[in-house]
Amino acid sequence: MPRFLNPPDVHAPIGAYAHTALVPAGSELVYVSGQVGMRPDGSVPADFAGQAEAVFQNLRACLAAHGAGMDSVVKLTTFIVSGQDVQVMREIRQRHFGAHRPASPAVFVPQLVSPTYLLEVEAVAVKKAGRAEG
């Protein structure tokens, strides 16, 4: 499916990402809106780790609804409220993505749409055309 590349004329990635992602012709793109740390029952964990876990579970569920998995993500954008422990998010992300390294900017922001939310993650994924959706 997608091809990830770190060009030799660019520094090595400083985190769990690739510098580029190439989506082959004939693929379908899945755009996932920003996911916050809200559980399916509407509750929001008070702690950053709990919200990060909910974010990646939500992302996994959104992808699964289109017949895709975490390994189909080609771009992941993470918005983290300033003052949160980014290493906690990295560890939780690693657990959900394993060795998969999509193109991934991360940005510290002063606040999200609600002060309750401590991070938000949006994604672009790729799947083979015609794969079943759930």
Protein backbone atom coordinates (compact mmCIF):
# COMPACT_ATOMS: atom_id res chain seq x y z
CA MET A 1 0.00 0.00 0.00
CA PRO A 2 1.56 3.36 0.91
CA ARG A 3 5.30 3.79 0.67
CA PHE A 4 7.11 5.69 3.40
CA LEU A 5 10.46 7.28 2.71
CA ASN A 6 13.06 9.27 4.60
CA PRO A 7 15.15 10.98 1.90
CA PRO A 8 18.93 10.72 2.41
CA ASP A 9 19.28 14.50 1.97
CA VAL A 10 17.05 15.19 5.00
CA HIS A 11 17.91 14.55 8.65
CA ALA A 12 16.71 11.29 10.17
CA PRO A 13 13.27 11.57 11.81
CA ILE A 14 13.50 12.69 15.43
CA GLY A 15 10.46 10.68 16.45
CA ALA A 16 8.07 7.92 15.37
CA TYR A 17 7.30 9.28 11.91
CA ALA A 18 8.41 9.24 8.28
CA HIS A 19 9.25 12.36 6.30
CA THR A 20 7.11 11.33 3.32
CA ALA A 21 4.23 9.02 2.43
CA LEU A 22 3.35 8.07 -1.15
CA VAL A 23 -0.18 6.84 -1.83
CA PRO A 24 -0.42 4.56 -4.87
CA ALA A 25 -2.87 5.26 -7.71
CA GLY A 26 -6.19 3.49 -7.38
CA SER A 27 -6.29 3.84 -3.60
CA GLU A 28 -9.06 5.46 -1.60
CA LEU A 29 -8.34 8.04 1.08
CA VAL A 30 -10.08 8.11 4.44
CA TYR A 31 -10.02 11.45 6.26
CA VAL A 32 -10.64 11.15 9.98
CA SER A 33 -11.78 14.29 11.78
CA GLY A 34 -9.97 15.33 14.93
CA GLN A 35 -10.61 12.79 17.66
CA VAL A 36 -10.63 13.97 21.27
CA GLY A 37 -10.44 11.98 24.47
CA MET A 38 -14.17 11.29 24.72
CA ARG A 39 -15.26 7.71 25.26
CA PRO A 40 -18.24 6.19 23.39
CA ASP A 41 -20.44 6.80 26.46
CA GLY A 42 -19.64 10.54 26.34
CA SER A 43 -17.36 10.57 29.37
CA VAL A 44 -13.98 12.28 29.24
CA PRO A 45 -11.10 11.06 31.42
CA ALA A 46 -9.69 13.82 33.63
CA ASP A 47 -6.09 12.76 33.03
CA PHE A 48 -3.96 13.16 29.91
CA ALA A 49 -3.07 9.45 29.66
CA GLY A 50 -6.75 8.45 29.80
CA GLN A 51 -7.63 10.95 27.10
CA ALA A 52 -4.74 9.82 24.89
CA GLU A 53 -5.91 6.22 25.19
CA ALA A 54 -9.47 7.23 24.25
CA VAL A 55 -8.20 9.27 21.29
CA PHE A 56 -6.36 6.32 19.76
CA GLN A 57 -9.24 3.92 20.47
CA ASN A 58 -11.57 6.37 18.69
CA LEU A 59 -9.17 6.60 15.75
CA ARG A 60 -8.98 2.81 15.53
CA ALA A 61 -12.81 2.58 15.52
CA CYS A 62 -13.17 5.26 12.83
CA LEU A 63 -10.68 3.45 10.60
CA ALA A 64 -12.30 0.06 11.21
CA ALA A 65 -15.64 1.48 10.07
CA HIS A 66 -14.00 1.88 6.63
CA GLY A 67 -12.26 -1.50 6.60
CA ALA A 68 -8.89 0.05 7.49
CA GLY A 69 -6.46 -0.30 10.36
CA MET A 70 -3.86 1.80 12.12
CA ASP A 71 -1.27 0.62 9.58
CA SER A 72 -3.27 2.38 6.85
CA VAL A 73 -2.61 5.85 8.30
CA VAL A 74 -0.37 7.93 6.05
CA LYS A 75 -0.62 11.21 7.99
CA LEU A 76 -1.36 11.79 11.65
CA THR A 77 -1.61 15.30 13.08
CA THR A 78 -1.54 15.71 16.85
CA PHE A 79 -2.56 18.82 18.77
CA ILE A 80 -1.48 18.79 22.43
CA VAL A 81 -2.47 21.39 25.00
CA SER A 82 0.70 23.07 26.29
CA GLY A 83 1.92 21.70 29.59
CA GLN A 84 0.94 18.07 28.91
CA ASP A 85 3.54 15.31 29.00
CA VAL A 86 4.22 14.51 25.34
CA GLN A 87 6.17 11.39 26.33
CA VAL A 88 2.97 9.86 27.76
CA MET A 89 1.24 10.43 24.41
CA ARG A 90 4.22 8.94 22.53
CA GLU A 91 4.10 5.76 24.63
CA ILE A 92 0.36 5.31 24.10
CA ARG A 93 0.69 6.08 20.39
CA GLN A 94 3.51 3.51 20.12
CA ARG A 95 1.29 0.87 21.67
CA HIS A 96 -1.42 1.52 19.06
CA PHE A 97 0.84 1.97 16.02
CA GLY A 98 3.70 -0.42 16.77
CA ALA A 99 6.42 -0.04 14.13
CA HIS A 100 4.16 1.90 11.74
CA ARG A 101 5.54 5.41 11.11
CA PRO A 102 3.15 7.74 9.22
CA ALA A 103 4.05 11.33 8.36
CA SER A 104 3.26 13.05 11.65
CA PRO A 105 3.37 16.68 12.68
CA ALA A 106 2.67 17.43 16.34
CA VAL A 107 1.81 20.88 17.65
CA PHE A 108 1.46 22.37 21.12
CA VAL A 109 -1.59 24.64 21.37
CA PRO A 110 -2.86 26.86 24.19
CA GLN A 111 -6.33 25.26 24.22
CA LEU A 112 -8.67 23.13 22.13
CA VAL A 113 -12.34 23.90 21.41
CA SER A 114 -13.19 22.93 25.02
CA PRO A 115 -10.79 23.28 27.93
CA THR A 116 -11.82 19.75 28.95
CA TYR A 117 -9.89 18.24 26.04
CA LEU A 118 -6.12 17.88 26.41
CA LEU A 119 -5.28 16.55 22.94
CA GLU A 120 -6.81 16.01 19.52
CA VAL A 121 -5.61 13.77 16.70
CA GLU A 122 -6.69 13.80 13.05
CA ALA A 123 -5.62 11.33 10.40
CA VAL A 124 -5.52 10.55 6.71
CA ALA A 125 -5.51 6.86 5.84
CA VAL A 126 -5.37 4.89 2.61
CA LYS A 127 -7.11 1.69 1.62
CA LYS A 128 -7.36 -0.34 -1.54
CA ALA A 129 -10.32 0.68 -3.65
CA GLY A 130 -13.35 -1.48 -3.07
CA ARG A 131 -12.38 -2.84 0.38
CA ALA A 132 -15.50 -3.41 2.41
CA GLU A 133 -16.67 -0.79 4.86
CA GLY A 134 -18.28 -1.63 8.16
